[in-house]
Amino acid sequence: MPTLIPAADASPRGRRGFPFVLAATTAMMAGASAPSPFYPVIQAELGFTPVMTTTVFAVYAVALLAALLVAGSLSDHVGRRPLISVGFGLLALSVMLFSHADSAAGFITARILQGITSGLLLSTLAATVVDLEPRNRPGSAAAWNSVTAMTGLASGALIAGIVLDSVGDDASTAVFGVFAGLYLLMAVGIWYLPETAPRHHGVWASLRPSAYLPKEIRTTFLQGAPAVFAGWATGGLYLSLGPAIVATQFQRSSHLPQSLVVTLLAGAGALAGYLIRRRTPRTITLYGTTALAVGSACTLGALAHESLPLYYLAVMIAGTGFGTAFSGVLRSITPLTRPENRAEVLAAIFVVSYTAFGIPAVVAGLLVPHLGIATTTYLYGTVIVLLSTTAALLRRFGTNN
């Protein structure tokens, strides 16, 4: 039986566990955004259509959703460490497959594997962060889950963009080789930390597709779902089409200006999530949804005026909403969740997140050949504004938590 530890400050190893799991989450999310700057390159070299490019992006989200539904609560039964170790080992394999892919089937296979393993890891890592939350900082786990996710998305795209401009043809091997090595270190390193979840019966039953919502959190969850959806749909737009928007609408061929869209969006989200972390969940969600609406509207104005600096500024405003809307909802739900249901409830939240992350992006990819990328972006942005405004009104006139 592994040694169990309930909180990060219970032992030296427990205290080390909290930052390690935060770093692991950051690394996983960096690997999720690192392919984004490569999409225009892949599209040009292999002649991909916009819908194929967004499909390569979106199969990650679909596979992640499937893994969440099937195995989202598995770590509640077998323990956190085994899933984290296996997940990072498979994640290393997935990024190496991506770096060596030379066809649509190859890229899709790599992204499906990355999505499945990320689904195994996402709810497990998030639950482990909550398990290891320091006793003297109650509620900090939800904020850190959001901040680390945003930091990872920001850094992965930035690193890939810089390496693409510096290395050229060998960029894929360089970027994803480093990620593979990092993931293997995570797979081994987790075994030096304490186990935080006891093993118990029901493993096979837990593999039935499900995402559990206890009765006591359903109202809070339903009120927060539009905010989560709006935020992650914004992320899906920029991670799938953001570099292409900069390349086509602002005529920037360098990879760094293209990747900056993702970096500024997620980086602003990480900073905002950290700065606002001590506010109430209701205040955080209200700010986040308002920023999403305002920022998305401003991006459309910047596109109309063909101003890249204004576009970057608007993306940053939307990014602060991207990072805080999700965090506010998570902080509303986490205190109401029993430890034995923690991973399963987090799986339900991430189901909403990654549905929004992937499906609208594919729809946008289908529309681009018929409407053009500019018109598609205007339509997508308008939907985000409407969703964000609805989410803000629900939180403003809903419960006070």
Protein backbone atom coordinates (compact mmCIF):
# COMPACT_ATOMS: atom_id res chain seq x y z
CA MET A 1 0.00 0.00 0.00
CA PRO A 2 1.54 3.38 -0.98
CA THR A 3 1.95 6.07 1.62
CA LEU A 4 -0.98 8.46 1.43
CA ILE A 5 -0.70 12.16 2.07
CA PRO A 6 -3.67 14.53 2.23
CA ALA A 7 -2.01 17.91 1.81
CA ALA A 8 1.14 19.51 0.44
CA ASP A 9 2.40 20.73 3.80
CA ALA A 10 2.05 17.35 5.53
CA SER A 11 5.64 16.26 4.74
CA PRO A 12 8.68 17.47 2.77
CA ARG A 13 7.78 15.12 -0.08
CA GLY A 14 4.25 16.45 -0.03
CA ARG A 15 5.49 20.02 -0.25
CA ARG A 16 7.62 19.08 -3.27
CA GLY A 17 4.65 17.34 -4.83
CA PHE A 18 2.58 20.49 -5.25
CA PRO A 19 5.05 22.40 -7.48
CA PHE A 20 5.97 19.20 -9.33
CA VAL A 21 2.37 18.54 -10.34
CA LEU A 22 1.92 22.20 -11.33
CA ALA A 23 5.04 21.93 -13.51
CA ALA A 24 3.70 18.69 -15.02
CA THR A 25 0.42 20.39 -15.91
CA THR A 26 2.30 23.28 -17.49
CA ALA A 27 4.44 20.89 -19.56
CA MET A 28 1.43 18.91 -20.74
CA MET A 29 -0.42 22.04 -21.89
CA ALA A 30 2.72 23.43 -23.56
CA GLY A 31 2.77 20.30 -25.69
CA ALA A 32 -0.87 20.92 -26.60
CA SER A 33 -0.17 24.39 -28.03
CA ALA A 34 3.27 23.73 -29.55
CA PRO A 35 1.78 22.29 -32.78
CA SER A 36 -0.21 25.49 -33.49
CA PRO A 37 2.62 27.45 -35.18
CA PHE A 38 3.31 24.39 -37.34
CA TYR A 39 -0.20 24.29 -38.83
CA PRO A 40 0.41 26.93 -41.55
CA VAL A 41 3.69 25.17 -42.43
CA ILE A 42 1.97 21.79 -42.66
CA GLN A 43 -0.86 23.30 -44.69
CA ALA A 44 1.58 24.83 -47.19
CA GLU A 45 3.90 21.82 -47.48
CA LEU A 46 1.24 19.11 -47.72
CA GLY A 47 -1.53 21.14 -49.36
CA PHE A 48 -3.98 20.70 -46.48
CA THR A 49 -7.34 22.44 -46.76
CA PRO A 50 -8.43 24.65 -43.82
CA VAL A 51 -10.85 21.95 -42.66
CA MET A 52 -8.04 19.36 -42.62
CA THR A 53 -5.86 21.73 -40.59
CA THR A 54 -8.61 22.31 -38.03
CA THR A 55 -9.35 18.59 -38.01
CA VAL A 56 -5.74 17.83 -37.07
CA PHE A 57 -6.23 20.29 -34.22
CA ALA A 58 -9.70 19.14 -33.20
CA VAL A 59 -9.12 15.38 -33.10
CA TYR A 60 -6.95 16.13 -30.08
CA ALA A 61 -9.94 17.62 -28.28
CA VAL A 62 -12.31 14.84 -29.38
CA ALA A 63 -9.89 12.09 -28.26
CA LEU A 64 -9.32 13.94 -25.00
CA LEU A 65 -13.09 14.10 -24.43
CA ALA A 66 -13.46 10.38 -25.06
CA ALA A 67 -10.67 9.59 -22.60
CA LEU A 68 -12.23 11.86 -19.99
CA LEU A 69 -15.61 10.19 -20.32
CA VAL A 70 -14.16 6.69 -20.11
CA ALA A 71 -11.28 7.16 -17.68
CA GLY A 72 -11.90 10.54 -16.04
CA SER A 73 -12.42 8.97 -12.62
CA LEU A 74 -9.92 6.11 -12.99
CA SER A 75 -7.34 7.72 -10.71
CA ASP A 76 -9.94 7.79 -7.92
CA HIS A 77 -9.72 3.97 -8.00
CA VAL A 78 -6.14 3.04 -8.95
CA GLY A 79 -4.27 6.02 -7.52
CA ARG A 80 -2.83 9.15 -9.09
CA ARG A 81 0.80 8.10 -9.63
CA PRO A 82 0.26 5.12 -11.98
CA LEU A 83 -1.93 7.13 -14.36
CA ILE A 84 0.38 10.14 -14.34
CA SER A 85 3.40 7.94 -15.10
CA VAL A 86 1.72 6.00 -17.90
CA GLY A 87 0.17 9.17 -19.30
CA PHE A 88 3.46 11.03 -19.63
CA GLY A 89 5.14 7.99 -21.16
CA LEU A 90 2.47 7.83 -23.88
CA LEU A 91 2.58 11.61 -24.27
CA ALA A 92 6.29 11.37 -25.11
CA LEU A 93 5.45 8.82 -27.81
CA SER A 94 2.69 11.03 -29.25
CA VAL A 95 4.88 14.11 -29.73
CA MET A 96 7.59 12.04 -31.40
CA LEU A 97 4.97 10.64 -33.78
CA PHE A 98 3.89 14.20 -34.57
CA SER A 99 7.46 15.30 -35.30
CA HIS A 100 7.94 12.46 -37.82
CA ALA A 101 4.51 12.56 -39.47
CA ASP A 102 4.42 13.30 -43.21
CA SER A 103 0.75 12.76 -44.06
CA ALA A 104 -2.71 13.66 -42.81
CA ALA A 105 -3.11 10.17 -41.35
CA GLY A 106 0.19 10.50 -39.49
CA PHE A 107 -0.64 13.88 -37.96
CA ILE A 108 -4.15 12.76 -37.00
CA THR A 109 -2.83 9.56 -35.38
CA ALA A 110 -0.29 11.52 -33.35
CA ARG A 111 -2.90 14.04 -32.20
CA ILE A 112 -5.39 11.31 -31.28
CA LEU A 113 -2.79 9.61 -29.09
CA GLN A 114 -1.88 12.97 -27.55
CA GLY A 115 -5.55 13.66 -26.89
CA ILE A 116 -6.16 10.28 -25.24
CA THR A 117 -3.14 10.60 -22.98
CA SER A 118 -3.96 14.23 -22.14
CA GLY A 119 -7.46 13.09 -21.19
CA LEU A 120 -5.96 10.51 -18.83
CA LEU A 121 -3.72 13.17 -17.34
CA LEU A 122 -5.95 16.21 -17.21
CA SER A 123 -8.46 15.23 -14.54
CA THR A 124 -5.79 13.23 -12.70
CA LEU A 125 -3.35 16.13 -12.50
CA ALA A 126 -6.12 18.59 -11.59
CA ALA A 127 -7.33 16.26 -8.83
CA THR A 128 -3.75 15.81 -7.56
CA VAL A 129 -3.27 19.57 -7.37
CA VAL A 130 -6.42 19.75 -5.23
CA ASP A 131 -5.19 16.80 -3.13
CA LEU A 132 -1.90 18.59 -2.46
CA GLU A 133 -3.32 22.06 -1.92
CA PRO A 134 -1.49 23.70 1.03
CA ARG A 135 -3.66 23.87 4.14
CA ASN A 136 -2.82 27.52 4.68
CA ARG A 137 -4.03 28.47 1.18
CA PRO A 138 -7.52 27.01 0.80
CA GLY A 139 -8.98 27.51 -2.67
CA SER A 140 -5.58 28.07 -4.27
CA ALA A 141 -5.67 24.78 -6.18
CA ALA A 142 -8.41 25.96 -8.56
CA ALA A 143 -6.49 29.15 -9.33
CA TRP A 144 -3.25 27.26 -9.91
CA ASN A 145 -4.97 24.69 -12.14
CA SER A 146 -6.07 27.54 -14.39
CA VAL A 147 -2.81 29.53 -14.23
CA THR A 148 -0.62 26.53 -15.06
CA ALA A 149 -2.85 25.54 -17.99
CA MET A 150 -2.66 29.06 -19.43
CA THR A 151 1.09 29.31 -18.81
CA GLY A 152 1.64 26.03 -20.62
CA LEU A 153 -0.44 27.08 -23.63
CA ALA A 154 1.43 30.40 -23.82
CA SER A 155 4.93 28.95 -23.54
CA GLY A 156 4.41 26.02 -25.93
CA ALA A 157 3.33 28.23 -28.83
CA LEU A 158 6.04 30.82 -28.13
CA ILE A 159 8.83 28.24 -28.00
CA ALA A 160 7.63 26.60 -31.21
CA GLY A 161 7.41 29.95 -33.03
CA ILE A 162 10.92 30.99 -32.01
CA VAL A 163 12.42 27.63 -32.96
CA LEU A 164 10.60 27.63 -36.31
CA ASP A 165 12.14 30.99 -37.23
CA SER A 166 15.58 29.98 -35.93
CA VAL A 167 15.97 26.36 -37.04
CA GLY A 168 13.69 26.03 -40.04
CA ASP A 169 13.35 22.51 -41.44
CA ASP A 170 14.61 20.81 -38.28
CA ALA A 171 12.28 22.74 -35.97
CA SER A 172 9.80 19.91 -35.51
CA THR A 173 12.44 17.45 -34.34
CA ALA A 174 14.01 20.04 -32.03
CA VAL A 175 10.75 21.15 -30.39
CA PHE A 176 9.10 17.79 -29.95
CA GLY A 177 12.32 15.96 -29.07
CA VAL A 178 12.71 18.27 -26.06
CA PHE A 179 9.09 17.73 -25.06
CA ALA A 180 9.49 13.96 -25.32
CA GLY A 181 12.50 14.04 -22.99
CA LEU A 182 10.68 16.27 -20.52
CA TYR A 183 7.65 13.99 -20.48
CA LEU A 184 9.80 10.92 -19.79
CA LEU A 185 11.35 12.74 -16.82
CA MET A 186 7.85 13.49 -15.52
CA ALA A 187 6.85 9.84 -15.95
CA VAL A 188 9.75 8.77 -13.72
CA GLY A 189 9.71 11.71 -11.30
CA ILE A 190 6.13 11.16 -10.15
CA TRP A 191 7.21 7.95 -8.38
CA TYR A 192 9.38 9.99 -6.00
CA LEU A 193 6.27 11.73 -4.68
CA PRO A 194 3.64 10.39 -2.28
CA GLU A 195 0.40 8.84 -3.46
CA THR A 196 -2.61 11.02 -2.59
CA ALA A 197 -5.54 8.77 -3.55
CA PRO A 198 -6.23 5.40 -1.92
CA ARG A 199 -6.98 2.47 -4.19
CA HIS A 200 -10.45 0.99 -3.89
CA HIS A 201 -12.84 -1.30 -5.71
CA GLY A 202 -14.88 -0.36 -8.76
CA VAL A 203 -12.12 0.07 -11.35
CA TRP A 204 -13.99 -1.65 -14.18
CA ALA A 205 -17.26 0.04 -13.33
CA SER A 206 -15.46 3.39 -13.42
CA LEU A 207 -14.61 2.80 -17.10
CA ARG A 208 -18.22 3.13 -18.13
CA PRO A 209 -18.45 6.46 -20.01
CA SER A 210 -19.58 8.99 -17.43
CA ALA A 211 -19.02 12.42 -16.01
CA TYR A 212 -20.60 12.69 -12.59
CA LEU A 213 -22.38 15.74 -11.23
CA PRO A 214 -23.61 15.39 -7.64
CA LYS A 215 -26.96 17.02 -7.01
CA GLU A 216 -25.47 19.71 -4.77
CA ILE A 217 -23.29 21.19 -7.53
CA ARG A 218 -25.58 20.91 -10.55
CA THR A 219 -27.05 24.42 -10.32
CA THR A 220 -23.60 25.98 -9.91
CA PHE A 221 -22.27 23.89 -12.79
CA LEU A 222 -25.10 24.82 -15.17
CA GLN A 223 -24.74 28.51 -14.38
CA GLY A 224 -20.99 28.33 -15.03
CA ALA A 225 -21.09 26.16 -18.16
CA PRO A 226 -21.64 29.05 -20.64
CA ALA A 227 -18.60 30.84 -19.20
CA VAL A 228 -16.45 27.73 -19.56
CA PHE A 229 -17.74 27.15 -23.09
CA ALA A 230 -17.15 30.73 -24.21
CA GLY A 231 -13.63 30.79 -22.78
CA TRP A 232 -12.46 27.53 -24.30
CA ALA A 233 -14.15 28.23 -27.65
CA THR A 234 -12.03 31.39 -27.75
CA GLY A 235 -8.94 29.30 -27.09
CA GLY A 236 -9.94 26.84 -29.81
CA LEU A 237 -10.24 29.60 -32.39
CA TYR A 238 -6.78 31.02 -31.77
CA LEU A 239 -4.96 27.72 -31.32
CA SER A 240 -6.37 26.32 -34.57
CA LEU A 241 -6.62 29.40 -36.81
CA GLY A 242 -4.77 32.14 -34.92
CA PRO A 243 -1.46 31.84 -36.83
CA ALA A 244 -3.33 31.65 -40.14
CA ILE A 245 -5.32 34.79 -39.29
CA VAL A 246 -2.12 36.76 -38.70
CA ALA A 247 -0.53 35.36 -41.86
CA THR A 248 -3.46 36.06 -44.17
CA GLN A 249 -5.17 39.11 -42.70
CA PHE A 250 -2.06 41.00 -41.57
CA GLN A 251 0.39 39.56 -44.13
CA ARG A 252 2.98 38.40 -41.58
CA SER A 253 4.98 35.45 -42.90
CA SER A 254 7.34 35.10 -39.92
CA HIS A 255 6.33 32.39 -37.46
CA LEU A 256 6.93 34.41 -34.29
CA PRO A 257 4.25 37.07 -35.00
CA GLN A 258 1.87 34.23 -35.83
CA SER A 259 2.56 32.28 -32.65
CA LEU A 260 2.27 35.45 -30.55
CA VAL A 261 -1.51 35.27 -30.93
CA VAL A 262 -1.61 32.09 -28.86
CA THR A 263 1.10 33.29 -26.48
CA LEU A 264 -0.57 36.63 -25.76
CA LEU A 265 -4.00 35.03 -25.34
CA ALA A 266 -2.86 32.37 -22.88
CA GLY A 267 -0.14 34.51 -21.26
CA ALA A 268 -2.61 37.27 -20.44
CA GLY A 269 -4.94 34.58 -19.11
CA ALA A 270 -2.25 33.19 -16.81
CA LEU A 271 -1.32 36.65 -15.47
CA ALA A 272 -4.94 37.67 -14.93
CA GLY A 273 -5.73 34.36 -13.23
CA TYR A 274 -2.85 34.88 -10.82
CA LEU A 275 -3.61 38.53 -10.05
CA ILE A 276 -7.32 37.98 -9.43
CA ARG A 277 -6.96 34.70 -7.54
CA ARG A 278 -7.92 36.18 -4.14
CA ARG A 279 -11.27 37.51 -5.36
CA THR A 280 -14.50 35.61 -4.90
CA PRO A 281 -15.40 33.01 -7.55
CA ARG A 282 -18.38 35.13 -8.59
CA THR A 283 -16.21 38.22 -9.11
CA ILE A 284 -13.62 36.22 -11.07
CA THR A 285 -16.25 34.74 -13.38
CA LEU A 286 -17.95 38.10 -13.90
CA TYR A 287 -14.65 39.69 -14.86
CA GLY A 288 -13.73 36.79 -17.11
CA THR A 289 -16.95 36.72 -19.09
CA THR A 290 -16.98 40.51 -19.46
CA ALA A 291 -13.37 40.51 -20.69
CA LEU A 292 -14.16 37.76 -23.18
CA ALA A 293 -17.05 39.77 -24.61
CA VAL A 294 -15.13 43.05 -24.77
CA GLY A 295 -11.91 41.50 -26.05
CA SER A 296 -13.64 39.46 -28.75
CA ALA A 297 -15.55 42.51 -29.95
CA CYS A 298 -12.30 44.50 -30.08
CA THR A 299 -10.54 41.80 -32.12
CA LEU A 300 -13.24 42.17 -34.76
CA GLY A 301 -12.68 45.94 -34.80
CA ALA A 302 -8.93 45.46 -35.14
CA LEU A 303 -9.47 43.09 -38.07
CA ALA A 304 -11.72 45.62 -39.75
CA HIS A 305 -9.02 48.33 -39.37
CA GLU A 306 -6.23 45.90 -40.35
CA SER A 307 -4.19 46.90 -37.30
CA LEU A 308 -1.99 44.12 -35.93
CA PRO A 309 -0.97 46.02 -32.73
CA LEU A 310 -4.62 46.65 -31.89
CA TYR A 311 -5.38 43.03 -32.69
CA TYR A 312 -2.69 41.85 -30.27
CA LEU A 313 -4.09 44.19 -27.59
CA ALA A 314 -7.62 42.91 -28.13
CA VAL A 315 -6.40 39.30 -27.97
CA MET A 316 -4.78 40.08 -24.61
CA ILE A 317 -8.04 41.50 -23.27
CA ALA A 318 -9.89 38.39 -24.43
CA GLY A 319 -7.07 36.31 -22.97
CA THR A 320 -7.63 37.71 -19.49
CA GLY A 321 -11.18 36.42 -19.82
CA PHE A 322 -9.98 33.09 -21.17
CA GLY A 323 -7.86 32.58 -18.07
CA THR A 324 -10.31 33.81 -15.45
CA ALA A 325 -13.76 32.65 -16.57
CA PHE A 326 -12.73 29.00 -16.26
CA SER A 327 -10.90 29.61 -12.97
CA GLY A 328 -13.93 31.33 -11.42
CA VAL A 329 -16.26 28.47 -12.32
CA LEU A 330 -13.75 25.90 -11.08
CA ARG A 331 -13.42 27.71 -7.76
CA SER A 332 -17.21 27.75 -7.38
CA ILE A 333 -17.46 23.99 -7.89
CA THR A 334 -14.33 22.58 -6.22
CA PRO A 335 -15.31 23.32 -2.58
CA LEU A 336 -18.65 21.57 -3.12
CA THR A 337 -17.05 18.36 -4.41
CA ARG A 338 -16.40 15.34 -2.17
CA PRO A 339 -12.88 13.90 -2.40
CA GLU A 340 -14.07 10.50 -3.63
CA ASN A 341 -15.82 12.17 -6.61
CA ARG A 342 -13.16 14.76 -7.36
CA ALA A 343 -11.67 13.38 -10.59
CA GLU A 344 -15.10 12.48 -11.96
CA VAL A 345 -16.52 15.96 -11.36
CA LEU A 346 -13.43 17.56 -12.89
CA ALA A 347 -13.94 15.28 -15.89
CA ALA A 348 -17.45 16.73 -16.31
CA ILE A 349 -16.05 20.27 -16.28
CA PHE A 350 -13.39 19.38 -18.82
CA VAL A 351 -15.99 17.74 -21.06
CA VAL A 352 -17.60 21.17 -21.48
CA SER A 353 -14.17 22.77 -21.92
CA TYR A 354 -12.93 20.50 -24.65
CA THR A 355 -16.24 20.30 -26.49
CA ALA A 356 -15.92 24.07 -26.83
CA PHE A 357 -12.22 23.76 -27.61
CA GLY A 358 -12.58 21.43 -30.58
CA ILE A 359 -16.02 21.38 -32.20
CA PRO A 360 -16.38 25.11 -33.07
CA ALA A 361 -12.87 25.04 -34.58
CA VAL A 362 -13.88 22.27 -36.99
CA VAL A 363 -17.02 24.17 -37.93
CA ALA A 364 -14.82 27.20 -38.64
CA GLY A 365 -12.56 25.06 -40.80
CA LEU A 366 -15.58 23.94 -42.82
CA LEU A 367 -16.70 27.54 -43.31
CA VAL A 368 -13.32 29.04 -44.32
CA PRO A 369 -13.29 27.66 -47.92
CA HIS A 370 -16.78 29.05 -48.53
CA LEU A 371 -16.76 32.32 -46.58
CA GLY A 372 -13.07 33.14 -46.28
CA ILE A 373 -11.07 33.32 -43.07
CA ALA A 374 -12.06 36.95 -42.34
CA THR A 375 -15.83 36.39 -42.53
CA THR A 376 -15.52 33.13 -40.59
CA THR A 377 -13.60 34.93 -37.86
CA TYR A 378 -16.24 37.67 -37.68
CA LEU A 379 -18.99 35.08 -37.27
CA TYR A 380 -17.02 33.10 -34.70
CA GLY A 381 -16.19 36.25 -32.74
CA THR A 382 -19.82 37.37 -32.73
CA VAL A 383 -20.90 34.04 -31.26
CA ILE A 384 -18.24 34.37 -28.55
CA VAL A 385 -19.49 37.86 -27.67
CA LEU A 386 -23.06 36.58 -27.35
CA LEU A 387 -22.04 33.55 -25.29
CA SER A 388 -19.84 35.61 -22.98
CA THR A 389 -22.53 38.22 -22.43
CA THR A 390 -25.05 35.49 -21.60
CA ALA A 391 -22.60 33.89 -19.17
CA ALA A 392 -21.95 37.25 -17.47
CA LEU A 393 -25.67 37.87 -17.03
CA LEU A 394 -26.20 34.36 -15.60
CA ARG A 395 -23.49 34.90 -13.04
CA ARG A 396 -24.58 38.47 -12.28
CA PHE A 397 -28.14 37.45 -11.49
CA GLY A 398 -27.49 33.89 -10.36
CA THR A 399 -26.11 32.53 -7.11
CA ASN A 400 -23.75 34.63 -5.02
CA ASN A 401 -20.96 32.05 -4.59
